[in-house]
Every structure is written in structure tokens, then in C-alpha cells.
Amino acid sequence: MLVHVSPRSLFARAALAETMRTMSFALYEETALEIALLGKKPPEVEEILAEPTSRQAMRDAVRAFAGFIRGR
């Protein structure tokens, strides 16, 4: 599962995912967790990550990833 903090890094994430698939990694790509934190100062990051929608998105992504791992 790849998680990143910047929507600008989509190309980098896609390139890394392709490299990992080429190397036969079991890459989980069903749920994308994207929380824009690029350029934010630590207090802003804490505030964003504490928001109920961010917390739920993180929980959902980790639960889905855990299910993927259990199924392997």
C-alpha cells in the first residue's frame, strides 16, 4: 500500500507502483489514501490529521489493507 501526502506526487507514486509490480511485489492498490499535507506546518498537519474525515479515511485504508494482508 502506497500512501503519500501530495497530490503532485501522482506520477512518482505510479512509477514506484510499476517498479514494485515488475519486482512481483504484492501491491495493494484498491484504496487510495490521499491527505494533502505538502507545505503544511506541524500544527496544521496535526489539525488536518485530527479531523474526523481524515481519521476515518486513515482507519478505512488501514482496515482494507489489513484485509488484503489476511487474504494473502
N, C-alpha and C. Protein backbone atom coordinates (compact mmCIF):
# COMPACT_ATOMS: atom_id res chain seq x y z
N MET A 1 0.86 -1.17 0.00
CA MET A 1 0.00 0.00 0.00
C MET A 1 0.90 1.22 0.00
N LEU A 2 0.66 2.11 -0.94
CA LEU A 2 1.42 3.35 -1.01
C LEU A 2 0.57 4.49 -0.48
N VAL A 3 1.13 5.28 0.41
CA VAL A 3 0.45 6.43 0.98
C VAL A 3 1.34 7.64 0.75
N HIS A 4 0.75 8.73 0.33
CA HIS A 4 1.55 9.93 0.10
C HIS A 4 0.80 11.16 0.57
N VAL A 5 1.52 12.27 0.70
CA VAL A 5 0.92 13.48 1.26
C VAL A 5 0.70 14.57 0.23
N SER A 6 1.02 14.30 -1.02
CA SER A 6 0.89 15.35 -2.02
C SER A 6 0.24 14.83 -3.29
N PRO A 7 -0.85 15.47 -3.72
CA PRO A 7 -1.44 15.07 -4.99
C PRO A 7 -0.47 15.29 -6.16
N ARG A 8 0.53 16.15 -5.98
CA ARG A 8 1.51 16.40 -7.03
C ARG A 8 2.41 15.19 -7.27
N SER A 9 2.42 14.26 -6.34
CA SER A 9 3.33 13.11 -6.47
C SER A 9 2.69 11.92 -7.17
N LEU A 10 1.58 12.13 -7.86
CA LEU A 10 0.89 11.01 -8.51
C LEU A 10 1.78 10.29 -9.51
N PHE A 11 2.58 11.03 -10.26
CA PHE A 11 3.45 10.37 -11.23
C PHE A 11 4.53 9.56 -10.54
N ALA A 12 5.07 10.10 -9.45
CA ALA A 12 6.09 9.36 -8.69
C ALA A 12 5.48 8.10 -8.10
N ARG A 13 4.28 8.21 -7.58
CA ARG A 13 3.61 7.04 -7.00
C ARG A 13 3.34 5.99 -8.07
N ALA A 14 2.89 6.43 -9.24
CA ALA A 14 2.63 5.49 -10.33
C ALA A 14 3.90 4.80 -10.78
N ALA A 15 5.00 5.54 -10.86
CA ALA A 15 6.28 4.95 -11.26
C ALA A 15 6.76 3.94 -10.21
N LEU A 16 6.62 4.29 -8.94
CA LEU A 16 7.02 3.37 -7.88
C LEU A 16 6.15 2.12 -7.90
N ALA A 17 4.86 2.28 -8.09
CA ALA A 17 3.97 1.12 -8.16
C ALA A 17 4.34 0.21 -9.32
N GLU A 18 4.66 0.80 -10.47
CA GLU A 18 5.06 -0.01 -11.61
C GLU A 18 6.35 -0.77 -11.33
N THR A 19 7.30 -0.13 -10.69
CA THR A 19 8.55 -0.79 -10.32
C THR A 19 8.27 -1.95 -9.36
N MET A 20 7.41 -1.72 -8.39
CA MET A 20 7.09 -2.77 -7.42
C MET A 20 6.38 -3.94 -8.09
N ARG A 21 5.45 -3.66 -9.02
CA ARG A 21 4.77 -4.74 -9.74
C ARG A 21 5.78 -5.54 -10.58
N THR A 22 6.72 -4.84 -11.21
CA THR A 22 7.74 -5.50 -12.02
C THR A 22 8.57 -6.44 -11.17
N MET A 23 8.78 -6.08 -9.91
CA MET A 23 9.57 -6.90 -8.99
C MET A 23 8.70 -7.94 -8.26
N SER A 24 7.44 -8.09 -8.71
CA SER A 24 6.50 -9.07 -8.17
C SER A 24 6.08 -8.82 -6.73
N PHE A 25 6.06 -7.56 -6.32
CA PHE A 25 5.53 -7.24 -5.00
C PHE A 25 4.02 -7.46 -5.00
N ALA A 26 3.48 -7.83 -3.88
CA ALA A 26 2.03 -7.90 -3.72
C ALA A 26 1.57 -6.50 -3.32
N LEU A 27 1.26 -5.71 -4.31
CA LEU A 27 0.93 -4.30 -4.09
C LEU A 27 -0.57 -4.12 -3.94
N TYR A 28 -0.99 -3.53 -2.84
CA TYR A 28 -2.40 -3.26 -2.60
C TYR A 28 -2.72 -1.88 -3.17
N GLU A 29 -3.60 -1.85 -4.15
CA GLU A 29 -3.92 -0.58 -4.82
C GLU A 29 -5.41 -0.25 -4.82
N GLU A 30 -6.19 -0.99 -4.07
CA GLU A 30 -7.65 -0.81 -4.11
C GLU A 30 -8.10 0.50 -3.47
N THR A 31 -7.48 0.90 -2.40
CA THR A 31 -7.88 2.10 -1.68
C THR A 31 -6.75 3.10 -1.70
N ALA A 32 -7.02 4.29 -2.19
CA ALA A 32 -6.01 5.34 -2.17
C ALA A 32 -6.24 6.23 -0.96
N LEU A 33 -5.20 6.41 -0.19
CA LEU A 33 -5.27 7.31 0.96
C LEU A 33 -4.47 8.55 0.60
N GLU A 34 -5.17 9.63 0.37
CA GLU A 34 -4.52 10.88 -0.01
C GLU A 34 -5.01 11.99 0.90
N ILE A 35 -4.10 12.50 1.70
CA ILE A 35 -4.40 13.62 2.59
C ILE A 35 -3.36 14.68 2.29
N ALA A 36 -3.79 15.82 1.76
CA ALA A 36 -2.86 16.87 1.32
C ALA A 36 -2.19 17.54 2.51
N LEU A 37 -0.91 17.26 2.68
CA LEU A 37 -0.15 17.84 3.79
C LEU A 37 1.07 18.63 3.31
N LEU A 38 1.36 18.56 2.02
CA LEU A 38 2.54 19.23 1.48
C LEU A 38 2.51 20.71 1.79
N GLY A 39 3.59 21.23 2.33
CA GLY A 39 3.71 22.65 2.63
C GLY A 39 3.06 23.08 3.92
N LYS A 40 2.47 22.15 4.63
CA LYS A 40 1.81 22.49 5.89
C LYS A 40 2.83 22.46 7.03
N LYS A 41 2.64 23.33 7.98
CA LYS A 41 3.49 23.35 9.17
C LYS A 41 2.96 22.32 10.16
N PRO A 42 3.82 21.82 11.07
CA PRO A 42 3.40 20.76 12.00
C PRO A 42 2.05 21.01 12.70
N PRO A 43 1.77 22.22 13.20
CA PRO A 43 0.44 22.40 13.83
C PRO A 43 -0.71 22.18 12.84
N GLU A 44 -0.51 22.61 11.59
CA GLU A 44 -1.55 22.42 10.57
C GLU A 44 -1.71 20.93 10.25
N VAL A 45 -0.61 20.21 10.17
CA VAL A 45 -0.66 18.77 9.91
C VAL A 45 -1.44 18.07 11.02
N GLU A 46 -1.12 18.40 12.26
CA GLU A 46 -1.84 17.79 13.38
C GLU A 46 -3.33 18.08 13.30
N GLU A 47 -3.68 19.30 12.96
CA GLU A 47 -5.09 19.68 12.86
C GLU A 47 -5.79 18.90 11.74
N ILE A 48 -5.15 18.81 10.59
CA ILE A 48 -5.73 18.09 9.45
C ILE A 48 -5.91 16.61 9.79
N LEU A 49 -4.88 16.01 10.38
CA LEU A 49 -4.96 14.58 10.70
C LEU A 49 -5.94 14.28 11.82
N ALA A 50 -6.26 15.28 12.62
CA ALA A 50 -7.22 15.09 13.71
C ALA A 50 -8.67 15.25 13.25
N GLU A 51 -8.88 15.78 12.05
CA GLU A 51 -10.24 15.96 11.55
C GLU A 51 -10.94 14.61 11.42
N PRO A 52 -12.21 14.55 11.79
CA PRO A 52 -12.94 13.28 11.71
C PRO A 52 -12.88 12.62 10.33
N THR A 53 -12.96 13.39 9.27
CA THR A 53 -12.92 12.78 7.93
C THR A 53 -11.55 12.19 7.63
N SER A 54 -10.49 12.86 8.06
CA SER A 54 -9.14 12.32 7.86
C SER A 54 -8.94 11.06 8.68
N ARG A 55 -9.38 11.10 9.93
CA ARG A 55 -9.22 9.93 10.81
C ARG A 55 -9.98 8.73 10.25
N GLN A 56 -11.19 8.97 9.75
CA GLN A 56 -11.98 7.87 9.18
C GLN A 56 -11.32 7.33 7.92
N ALA A 57 -10.80 8.22 7.08
CA ALA A 57 -10.13 7.79 5.86
C ALA A 57 -8.91 6.92 6.20
N MET A 58 -8.16 7.32 7.21
CA MET A 58 -6.99 6.53 7.62
C MET A 58 -7.42 5.18 8.16
N ARG A 59 -8.46 5.17 9.00
CA ARG A 59 -8.97 3.89 9.54
C ARG A 59 -9.42 2.96 8.42
N ASP A 60 -10.21 3.50 7.50
CA ASP A 60 -10.73 2.69 6.40
C ASP A 60 -9.59 2.11 5.56
N ALA A 61 -8.59 2.93 5.27
CA ALA A 61 -7.46 2.46 4.45
C ALA A 61 -6.69 1.36 5.17
N VAL A 62 -6.44 1.53 6.45
CA VAL A 62 -5.68 0.52 7.20
C VAL A 62 -6.50 -0.76 7.33
N ARG A 63 -7.79 -0.64 7.58
CA ARG A 63 -8.64 -1.84 7.66
C ARG A 63 -8.64 -2.61 6.34
N ALA A 64 -8.79 -1.88 5.25
CA ALA A 64 -8.80 -2.54 3.94
C ALA A 64 -7.46 -3.20 3.65
N PHE A 65 -6.38 -2.53 4.01
CA PHE A 65 -5.05 -3.09 3.81
C PHE A 65 -4.85 -4.33 4.67
N ALA A 66 -5.31 -4.29 5.90
CA ALA A 66 -5.20 -5.45 6.79
C ALA A 66 -5.98 -6.63 6.21
N GLY A 67 -7.14 -6.36 5.63
CA GLY A 67 -7.91 -7.43 4.98
C GLY A 67 -7.17 -8.02 3.80
N PHE A 68 -6.51 -7.18 3.03
CA PHE A 68 -5.70 -7.62 1.91
C PHE A 68 -4.57 -8.55 2.40
N ILE A 69 -3.91 -8.16 3.47
CA ILE A 69 -2.82 -8.96 4.03
C ILE A 69 -3.35 -10.30 4.51
N ARG A 70 -4.48 -10.28 5.23
CA ARG A 70 -5.06 -11.54 5.73
C ARG A 70 -5.41 -12.49 4.59
N GLY A 71 -5.81 -11.94 3.46
CA GLY A 71 -6.22 -12.75 2.34
C GLY A 71 -5.07 -13.33 1.51
N ARG A 72 -3.86 -12.97 1.83
CA ARG A 72 -2.69 -13.44 1.05
C ARG A 72 -2.17 -14.74 1.54
